Protein backbone atom coordinates (compact mmCIF):
# COMPACT_ATOMS: atom_id res chain seq x y z
CA MET A 1 0.00 0.00 0.00
CA ILE A 2 2.79 2.44 0.96
CA GLU A 3 4.61 1.71 -2.29
CA ASN A 4 1.44 2.39 -4.30
CA VAL A 5 0.88 5.72 -2.57
CA LYS A 6 4.50 6.78 -3.03
CA TRP A 7 4.51 5.99 -6.75
CA LEU A 8 1.15 7.74 -7.19
CA ILE A 9 2.58 10.88 -5.59
CA GLN A 10 5.68 10.73 -7.79
CA LYS A 11 3.63 10.21 -10.94
CA LYS A 12 0.57 12.38 -10.30
CA GLY A 13 2.01 14.87 -7.85
CA VAL A 14 0.75 18.11 -9.40
CA PHE A 15 -2.85 16.89 -9.77
CA ILE A 16 -2.96 15.31 -6.31
CA ILE A 17 -1.65 18.46 -4.65
CA GLU A 18 -4.25 20.63 -6.37
CA LEU A 19 -6.96 18.26 -5.14
CA LEU A 20 -5.44 18.35 -1.65
CA VAL A 21 -5.48 22.14 -1.57
CA ILE A 22 -9.15 22.10 -2.59
CA VAL A 23 -9.99 19.59 0.15
CA ILE A 24 -8.30 21.72 2.80
CA ALA A 25 -9.95 24.88 1.52
CA CYS A 26 -13.39 23.32 1.44
CA VAL A 27 -13.46 22.78 5.22
CA ILE A 28 -11.64 25.86 6.59
CA VAL A 29 -12.61 29.48 7.26
CA LEU A 30 -9.44 31.37 8.07
CA LYS A 31 -9.21 34.07 10.78
CA GLY A 32 -6.64 36.61 12.12
CA PRO A 33 -4.26 39.31 10.88
CA LYS A 34 -3.02 39.27 7.30
CA GLN A 35 0.75 39.09 6.79
CA ASP A 36 3.01 40.85 4.30
CA ASN A 37 4.36 39.01 1.27
CA ALA A 38 7.86 37.54 1.33
CA GLY A 39 10.86 38.44 -0.74
CA GLU A 40 12.55 35.84 -2.93
CA GLU A 41 15.33 35.35 -0.37
CA ASN A 42 12.93 33.83 2.18
CA ILE A 43 11.69 31.04 -0.09
CA GLU A 44 14.92 29.09 0.06
CA GLU A 45 15.11 29.29 3.86
CA ILE A 46 11.47 28.20 4.23
CA ARG A 47 12.03 25.23 1.93
CA ALA A 48 15.02 24.13 3.99
CA GLN A 49 12.89 24.17 7.14
CA LYS A 50 10.16 22.21 5.37
CA ALA A 51 12.37 19.36 4.17
CA GLU A 52 10.26 16.79 5.98
CA ALA A 53 6.85 18.30 5.16
CA PRO A 54 6.29 20.05 1.81
CA VAL A 55 4.08 23.10 1.96
CA ASN A 56 1.79 25.19 -0.19
CA HIS A 57 0.40 28.71 -0.04
CA MET A 58 -3.27 29.44 0.29
CA GLU A 59 -5.31 32.32 1.67
CA GLY A 60 -9.08 32.39 1.82
CA ILE A 61 -11.85 30.16 0.52
CA ASP A 62 -15.29 30.46 -0.96
CA ALA A 63 -17.16 27.99 1.17
CA ASP A 64 -20.60 29.23 0.17
CA GLU A 65 -20.45 27.24 -3.04
CA ILE A 66 -19.58 23.93 -1.38
CA ASP A 67 -22.67 21.74 -1.18
CA GLY A 68 -24.63 24.77 0.01
CA ASP A 69 -22.92 24.71 3.42
CA GLU A 70 -20.27 26.87 5.06
CA ILE A 71 -18.17 24.91 7.54
CA ASP A 72 -16.18 26.70 10.25
CA ILE A 73 -13.73 24.55 12.19
CA GLY A 74 -12.15 27.49 14.01
CA ASP A 75 -8.71 29.03 13.93
CA ILE A 76 -5.73 27.30 12.33
CA THR A 77 -2.10 28.31 12.09
CA ALA A 78 0.13 28.41 9.01
CA GLU A 79 3.20 30.32 7.87
CA SER A 80 3.32 33.57 6.00
CA SER A 81 5.68 33.41 3.03
CA GLY A 82 7.49 36.33 4.68
CA SER A 83 7.80 34.85 8.16
CA GLN A 84 9.03 31.66 9.77
CA THR A 85 6.73 32.23 12.77
CA PRO A 86 3.34 30.47 12.77
CA VAL A 87 0.55 33.02 12.31
CA THR A 88 -3.23 32.98 12.45
CA LEU A 89 -4.78 33.74 9.08
CA GLU A 90 -7.76 35.84 8.10
CA ARG A 91 -10.20 35.44 5.24
CA MET A 92 -8.81 37.54 2.40
CA VAL A 93 -10.37 40.45 0.56
CA CYS A 94 -11.38 39.01 -2.79
CA LEU A 95 -10.46 40.97 -5.92
CA PHE A 96 -13.15 39.21 -7.93
CA THR A 97 -16.59 40.82 -7.87
CA GLU A 98 -19.64 38.65 -7.28
CA GLU A 99 -20.71 39.28 -10.86
CA GLU A 100 -17.29 38.16 -12.17
CA LYS A 101 -17.43 34.98 -10.10
CA LYS A 102 -20.90 34.26 -11.45
CA GLN A 103 -19.69 34.81 -15.02
CA ILE A 104 -16.67 32.55 -14.44
CA GLN A 105 -18.93 29.79 -13.15
CA GLU A 106 -21.23 30.18 -16.14
CA THR A 107 -18.24 30.08 -18.51
CA ALA A 108 -16.96 26.93 -16.84
CA LEU A 109 -20.32 25.23 -17.32
CA THR A 110 -20.47 26.44 -20.93
CA ALA A 111 -17.03 24.95 -21.54
CA ALA A 112 -18.14 21.67 -19.98
CA GLU A 113 -21.12 21.55 -22.34
CA GLN A 114 -18.63 21.46 -25.24
CA VAL A 115 -17.20 18.15 -24.03
CA LYS A 116 -20.15 16.41 -22.35
CA GLY A 117 -20.34 13.86 -25.16
CA ILE A 118 -17.11 12.31 -23.87
CA TYR A 119 -18.72 11.89 -20.44
CA GLN A 120 -22.08 10.63 -21.68
CA ASN A 121 -21.47 6.95 -20.90
CA ILE A 122 -19.43 7.28 -17.73
CA GLU A 123 -20.20 5.42 -14.52
CA VAL A 124 -20.25 7.72 -11.49
CA ALA A 125 -19.99 6.39 -7.94
CA ASP A 126 -20.66 8.15 -4.64
CA GLY A 127 -17.66 10.02 -3.33
CA PRO A 128 -16.17 13.35 -2.22
CA ALA A 129 -16.84 16.58 -4.12
CA PHE A 130 -13.15 17.14 -4.83
CA SER A 131 -12.99 13.97 -6.97
CA SER A 132 -14.78 13.13 -10.22
CA ASN A 133 -15.84 9.74 -8.81
CA ILE A 134 -15.82 8.40 -12.37
CA ALA A 135 -15.20 4.66 -12.40
CA GLU A 136 -12.70 4.82 -15.25
CA PHE A 137 -11.41 7.75 -17.28
CA THR A 138 -8.49 7.24 -19.65
CA GLY A 139 -5.60 9.44 -20.64
CA GLU A 140 -6.89 9.48 -24.21
CA GLN A 141 -10.24 10.77 -23.01
CA CYS A 142 -8.44 13.54 -21.11
CA LYS A 143 -6.67 14.54 -24.30
CA GLU A 144 -9.95 14.51 -26.23
CA VAL A 145 -11.43 16.90 -23.67
CA VAL A 146 -8.43 19.22 -24.03
CA SER A 147 -8.73 19.16 -27.81
CA LEU A 148 -12.44 20.00 -27.80
CA LEU A 149 -11.97 22.77 -25.27
CA GLY A 150 -9.17 24.16 -27.42
CA GLN A 151 -11.34 24.08 -30.52
CA ALA A 152 -13.95 26.06 -28.59
CA GLY A 153 -11.31 28.72 -27.87
CA PHE A 154 -10.43 27.87 -24.27
CA VAL A 155 -6.92 27.52 -22.81
CA SER A 156 -6.65 23.89 -21.76
CA ILE A 157 -4.12 21.30 -20.64
CA THR A 158 -3.80 17.81 -19.18
CA GLU A 159 -1.01 15.41 -18.28
CA ASP A 160 1.30 14.38 -21.16
CA CYS A 161 -0.29 16.90 -23.50
CA ASN A 162 0.72 20.28 -24.91
CA MET A 163 -1.24 23.30 -23.72
CA VAL A 164 -3.84 24.50 -26.23
CA ASN A 165 -4.21 28.25 -26.88
CA PRO A 166 -1.27 29.27 -24.63
CA GLU A 167 -1.10 32.71 -26.25
CA ARG A 168 -3.82 33.89 -23.87
CA LEU A 169 -1.64 33.05 -20.90
CA HIS A 170 1.28 34.83 -22.55
CA ALA A 171 -0.89 37.92 -23.11
CA PHE A 172 -1.91 37.87 -19.44
CA TYR A 173 1.72 37.74 -18.35
CA SER A 174 2.59 40.61 -20.68
CA ASP A 175 -0.22 42.68 -19.16
CA TYR A 176 1.07 41.81 -15.70
CA LEU A 177 4.58 43.01 -16.56
CA ASN A 178 3.09 46.23 -17.91
CA GLN A 179 0.95 46.64 -14.77
CA LYS A 180 -2.22 46.42 -16.80
CA GLU A 181 -5.33 44.82 -15.32
CA SER A 182 -5.92 41.42 -16.89
CA MET A 183 -7.73 38.11 -16.46
CA PHE A 184 -7.61 34.70 -18.12
CA THR A 185 -8.84 31.17 -17.42
CA ILE A 186 -7.09 27.86 -17.96
CA PHE A 187 -8.97 24.56 -17.95
CA GLN A 188 -7.01 21.68 -16.47
CA VAL A 189 -8.36 18.18 -17.10
CA ASN A 190 -7.36 15.95 -14.19
CA PRO A 191 -6.54 12.27 -14.79
CA ASP A 192 -9.82 11.26 -13.15
CA GLY A 193 -11.89 13.42 -15.51
CA LEU A 194 -12.58 16.32 -13.15
CA ILE A 195 -12.15 19.69 -14.89
CA GLY A 196 -10.58 22.52 -12.92
CA ALA A 197 -11.08 26.06 -14.24
CA PHE A 198 -8.35 28.34 -12.84
CA THR A 199 -9.01 32.03 -13.46
CA PHE A 200 -6.01 34.32 -12.82
CA LEU A 201 -6.67 38.01 -12.12
CA TYR A 202 -4.22 40.91 -11.90
CA ARG A 203 -5.85 43.98 -10.40
CA LYS A 204 -4.71 46.82 -8.12
CA ASP A 205 -1.14 45.47 -8.10
CA GLU A 206 -2.35 42.15 -6.69
CA LEU A 207 -2.77 38.64 -8.08
CA GLN A 208 -5.51 36.17 -7.24
CA THR A 209 -7.03 33.00 -8.63
CA TYR A 210 -10.62 31.80 -8.59
CA TYR A 211 -11.02 28.06 -9.02
CA VAL A 212 -14.17 26.29 -10.21
CA GLY A 213 -14.25 22.50 -10.05
CA ILE A 214 -16.52 20.85 -12.62
CA GLY A 215 -17.71 17.33 -11.85
CA TRP A 216 -20.13 15.07 -13.67
CA GLN A 217 -23.44 13.40 -13.01
CA GLN A 218 -24.56 10.20 -14.65
CA GLY A 219 -25.31 10.73 -18.33
CA GLY A 220 -22.64 13.39 -18.81
CA ILE A 221 -24.34 16.26 -16.98
CA PRO A 222 -21.80 18.81 -15.68
CA GLU A 223 -22.11 20.44 -12.26
CA ILE A 224 -20.07 22.81 -10.14
CA ARG A 225 -18.56 20.81 -7.29
CA ASN A 226 -16.62 23.52 -5.48
CA THR A 227 -15.00 26.95 -5.76
CA LEU A 228 -11.91 28.42 -4.18
CA GLU A 229 -10.23 31.84 -3.97
CA ASN A 230 -6.44 32.10 -3.53
CA SER A 231 -4.01 34.99 -3.34
CA ILE A 232 -0.90 34.68 -5.51
CA ALA A 233 2.48 35.79 -4.17
CA GLU A 234 4.38 35.70 -7.48
CA ILE A 235 4.25 34.48 -11.05
CA LYS A 236 6.98 33.87 -13.61
CA LEU A 237 6.95 32.89 -17.29
CA THR A 238 10.34 31.42 -18.16
CA GLU A 239 12.15 31.61 -21.48
CA LYS A 240 11.43 27.91 -21.98
CA GLY A 241 7.73 28.54 -21.46
CA TYR A 242 7.02 27.34 -17.93
CA PHE A 243 4.40 29.38 -16.07
CA ILE A 244 5.42 29.06 -12.41
CA TYR A 245 3.43 30.59 -9.58
CA SER A 246 3.21 30.46 -5.79
CA TYR A 247 0.42 31.11 -3.35
CA GLU A 248 0.74 33.79 -0.69
CA ILE A 249 0.22 31.61 2.37
CA LEU A 250 2.04 28.34 2.97
CA ILE A 251 -0.18 25.38 3.85
CA PRO A 252 1.40 22.05 4.91
CA HIS A 253 1.66 19.11 2.50
CA SER A 254 1.99 20.90 -0.79
CA SER A 255 4.80 22.26 -2.94
CA LEU A 256 6.13 25.80 -2.75
CA ARG A 257 5.18 26.49 -6.35
CA GLN A 258 2.83 25.19 -9.03
CA CYS A 259 3.52 25.23 -12.76
CA PHE A 260 2.15 24.72 -16.25
CA ARG A 261 4.25 24.07 -19.34
CA THR A 262 2.98 26.50 -21.98
CA SER A 263 5.45 25.74 -24.77
CA PRO A 264 4.99 22.57 -26.84
CA ILE A 265 7.22 19.54 -26.63
CA SER A 266 7.24 16.75 -29.21
CA ASP A 267 5.37 13.50 -28.70
CA LYS A 268 8.66 11.67 -29.22
CA CYS A 269 10.33 13.58 -26.38
CA ARG A 270 7.35 12.82 -24.16
CA GLU A 271 7.61 9.14 -25.08
CA LEU A 272 11.34 9.06 -24.29
CA THR A 273 10.78 10.86 -20.99
CA LYS A 274 8.09 8.40 -19.97
CA LYS A 275 10.15 5.34 -20.89
CA TYR A 276 13.58 6.32 -19.61
CA LEU A 277 13.14 9.04 -16.98
CA SER A 278 9.72 9.06 -15.32
CA GLY A 279 10.06 8.23 -11.65
CA LEU A 280 13.86 8.45 -11.47
CA SER A 281 15.12 10.63 -8.64
CA TYR A 282 17.64 13.47 -8.55
CA VAL A 283 17.70 13.50 -4.74
CA ASN A 284 17.64 9.90 -3.50
CA TYR A 285 20.60 8.28 -5.32
CA ASN A 286 23.53 9.17 -7.56
CA MET A 287 22.37 7.89 -10.93
CA LEU A 288 21.33 11.29 -12.36
CA VAL A 289 23.67 13.58 -10.40
CA THR A 290 27.02 11.86 -11.03
CA ASN A 291 29.09 11.65 -14.20
CA TRP A 292 29.49 7.94 -14.86
CA ASP A 293 29.97 5.26 -17.50
CA SER A 294 31.11 1.62 -17.47
CA SER A 295 34.49 2.59 -15.99
CA ASN A 296 33.03 3.95 -12.73
CA VAL A 297 29.47 2.61 -12.68
CA GLU A 298 30.02 1.24 -9.15
CA ASP A 299 29.86 4.84 -7.93
CA ILE A 300 26.12 4.99 -8.58
CA LEU A 301 25.08 1.58 -7.24
CA MET A 302 23.01 2.08 -4.10
CA PRO A 303 20.42 -0.24 -2.52
CA ARG A 304 17.83 2.52 -2.40
CA MET A 305 17.78 2.85 -6.21
CA PHE A 306 16.54 -0.72 -6.74
CA GLU A 307 12.88 0.10 -6.18
CA ASP A 308 12.74 2.67 -9.00
CA ILE A 309 14.85 0.60 -11.38
CA TYR A 310 12.70 -2.47 -10.74
CA ARG A 311 9.55 -0.53 -11.61
CA ILE A 312 11.07 0.81 -14.82
CA TYR A 313 12.37 -2.64 -15.80
CA THR A 314 9.23 -4.64 -14.98
CA GLY A 315 6.46 -2.04 -15.09
CA GLU A 316 5.41 -3.20 -11.61
CA ILE A 317 5.83 -1.98 -8.04
CA PHE A 318 8.23 -4.09 -5.99
CA ARG A 319 6.72 -5.71 -2.90
CA THR A 320 8.52 -7.36 0.01
CA LYS A 321 7.37 -8.88 3.28
CA ASP A 322 10.72 -9.14 5.05
CA ARG A 323 12.53 -6.06 3.68
CA THR A 324 14.87 -8.14 1.53
CA VAL A 325 15.19 -8.74 -2.21
CA PRO A 326 16.02 -12.22 -3.53
CA ALA A 327 19.48 -12.17 -5.13
CA GLU A 328 18.28 -13.58 -8.45
CA VAL A 329 15.73 -10.76 -8.81
CA TYR A 330 18.09 -8.00 -7.70
CA GLU A 331 20.94 -9.14 -9.91
CA GLN A 332 18.77 -9.74 -12.96
CA VAL A 333 17.36 -6.20 -12.80
CA MET A 334 20.64 -4.40 -12.10
CA THR A 335 22.77 -6.26 -14.65
CA ALA A 336 20.06 -5.80 -17.29
CA CYS A 337 19.75 -2.05 -16.69
CA PHE A 338 23.41 -1.11 -16.14
CA PRO A 339 26.81 -2.16 -17.54
CA VAL A 340 27.70 -4.09 -14.37
CA SER A 341 28.52 -7.67 -13.43
CA VAL A 342 27.00 -9.75 -10.65
CA GLU A 343 30.30 -9.47 -8.78
CA GLN A 344 30.17 -5.65 -8.89
CA VAL A 345 26.58 -5.62 -7.67
CA ARG A 346 27.38 -7.97 -4.79
CA LYS A 347 30.40 -5.90 -3.83
CA VAL A 348 28.58 -2.59 -3.27
CA CYS A 349 24.87 -3.33 -2.78
CA GLY A 350 24.94 -5.27 0.47
CA TYR A 351 24.65 -8.86 -0.73
CA ASP A 352 24.08 -11.36 2.10
CA ALA A 353 25.43 -14.77 1.14
CA GLY A 354 23.74 -16.52 4.06
CA SER A 355 20.21 -15.59 2.97
CA GLY A 356 20.98 -15.16 -0.72
CA SER A 357 19.39 -11.70 -0.69
CA TYR A 358 19.96 -7.95 -0.70
CA PRO A 359 18.58 -5.41 1.78
CA TYR A 360 15.52 -3.52 0.63
CA GLU A 361 15.68 0.22 1.24
CA MET A 362 12.42 2.04 0.81
CA ILE A 363 12.61 5.53 -0.70
CA TYR A 364 10.60 8.01 1.32
CA ALA A 365 9.05 10.63 -0.92
CA SER A 366 10.95 13.92 -0.92
CA PRO A 367 8.98 17.17 -0.96
CA TYR A 368 8.60 17.82 -4.67
CA PRO A 369 12.11 17.25 -5.98
CA PRO A 370 13.22 18.17 -9.50
CA PHE A 371 12.16 16.05 -12.44
CA GLY A 372 13.82 15.47 -15.79
CA GLU A 373 12.27 15.97 -19.21
CA VAL A 374 13.79 14.99 -22.55
CA VAL A 375 13.99 18.11 -24.72
CA ASP A 376 16.01 16.57 -27.57
CA TYR A 377 17.65 13.29 -28.57
CA THR A 378 20.06 11.72 -31.06
CA GLU A 379 19.76 8.23 -32.51
CA ASN A 380 23.37 7.08 -32.83
CA GLY A 381 24.84 4.82 -35.48
CA ASP A 382 25.58 2.04 -32.98
CA GLY A 383 21.92 1.74 -32.04
CA THR A 384 22.17 3.74 -28.83
CA ILE A 385 20.17 6.89 -28.08
CA THR A 386 21.56 10.03 -26.47
CA LEU A 387 18.94 11.86 -24.42
CA PHE A 388 19.29 15.58 -23.76
CA VAL A 389 17.48 16.28 -20.51
CA ASP A 390 16.57 19.44 -18.62
CA GLY A 391 16.11 19.24 -14.86
CA VAL A 392 12.95 21.13 -13.90
CA TRP A 393 12.65 22.26 -10.27
CA PRO A 394 9.52 24.40 -9.84
CA ASP A 395 9.96 24.72 -6.06
CA TYR A 396 13.15 26.64 -6.79
CA ASN A 397 11.51 28.64 -9.59
CA SER A 398 13.59 26.95 -12.29
CA ASP A 399 12.89 24.92 -15.41
CA TYR A 400 16.61 24.77 -16.31
CA ALA A 401 18.22 23.79 -13.02
CA PHE A 402 20.77 21.46 -14.67
CA THR A 403 21.12 19.38 -17.82
CA ASN A 404 21.82 15.70 -18.36
CA MET A 405 23.18 13.83 -21.34
CA ILE A 406 22.13 10.21 -20.86
CA VAL A 407 23.05 7.38 -23.24
CA VAL A 408 20.73 4.36 -23.35
CA GLN A 409 20.87 1.16 -25.35
CA PRO A 410 17.43 -0.18 -26.36
CA PHE A 411 16.94 -3.88 -27.11
CA GLU A 412 14.56 -5.64 -29.46
CA ASP A 413 12.50 -7.11 -26.61
CA GLY A 414 11.63 -3.61 -25.36
CA THR A 415 14.10 -3.55 -22.49
CA PHE A 416 17.11 -1.23 -22.40
CA ARG A 417 20.29 -0.43 -20.54
CA TYR A 418 21.57 2.87 -19.17
CA LEU A 419 25.16 3.27 -20.40
CA SER A 420 26.29 6.66 -19.09
CA ASN A 421 25.29 10.03 -17.68
CA VAL A 422 26.85 13.51 -17.77
CA ILE A 423 25.29 16.29 -15.70
CA GLU A 424 26.02 20.01 -15.96
CA GLN A 425 24.99 22.71 -13.50
CA LYS A 426 22.88 25.53 -14.95
CA GLU A 427 20.59 27.70 -12.85
CA LEU A 428 20.89 25.69 -9.62
CA GLU A 429 23.47 23.63 -7.81
CA ILE A 430 23.45 19.89 -8.42
CA PRO A 431 21.91 17.97 -5.48
CA VAL A 432 24.37 16.19 -3.20
CA ILE A 433 23.36 12.68 -2.16
CA GLU A 434 24.21 11.71 1.40
């Protein structure tokens, strides 16, 4: 169960965190003095303090729209992005007028009407308002929804899909830089089929979002499940096209920043990322943060990397009852995926001859570490592929933290072997593995 949850967080982190923020917001009315915004220098110090519990920023909710009830559970404490001292928070002053919120809700329902045919035959179970509760909704259906919304003129995005109509986001950011009042809405299709409409507003030198969650009734009938108002501390549109933003108030169990990729990336690069990189860690073992090849591959062999490599090799989550890995399984996976011998693996990975096994080290999820994305590749004459990878670290406001050049050797049976890695520091320092 723990392994399933950890992999789900690694794979679906952005969507899960947005759902989590909505859940928290839907049951809290915040009270107390409002705090000033933080400068950029405080973000790094806050993140260091939060190493064991990732955090998010949120101020204010619109509870009136949630199932017709407003729930008050009393005062809570959080951290201002400009202070390390816990503070009591107050419901914010909303920049959106009631008429604007009504229009946004109507627009969200109008957008949903454009795609209701895709939801017509869904099976909906009982469940919480923050989830779609659809029995099964595929990635292809998510992409169909994005396409139809785009054709109707809306900005839309989902996992493993290029943003449609990103020029509206770019225009909003340009207005923001020019201190011109502006508003735009992006429709995010979650993997479970729920549609989140995020409206960003810049007004009176302040930034806020108004979220409308669209769920579905049996027969493909859209309905507003919940709404949420948030204050935004900062936004940034990078040269590569990442729109990175942070909320004003830090709430436990979320990342410091959220992001959307506005610039397109090829389907081939997405395919290579999914096959060779998805789920690999920059912060738990040395594979991606050390320069290595067959001459020094022992430098990257660590027991804690086995879990991720096993999943990539087999497509399954490794399970153990006694916190050990049978030697035949461990050695088959590691020698298949790296240019190493059984002797090398036994030398550095803790082989126990008495039990014929290796120790199993579970990886505990880090608070939103960087992830790699393939931005280019070369198919070499010897059959290998060189992957050019950018390390994206939204929590540190960077989509170009460091670069990797990874060489892989694919085989006819669909398996492959990592042959080497070269990493180069760019905007941020390379993580050090302890």
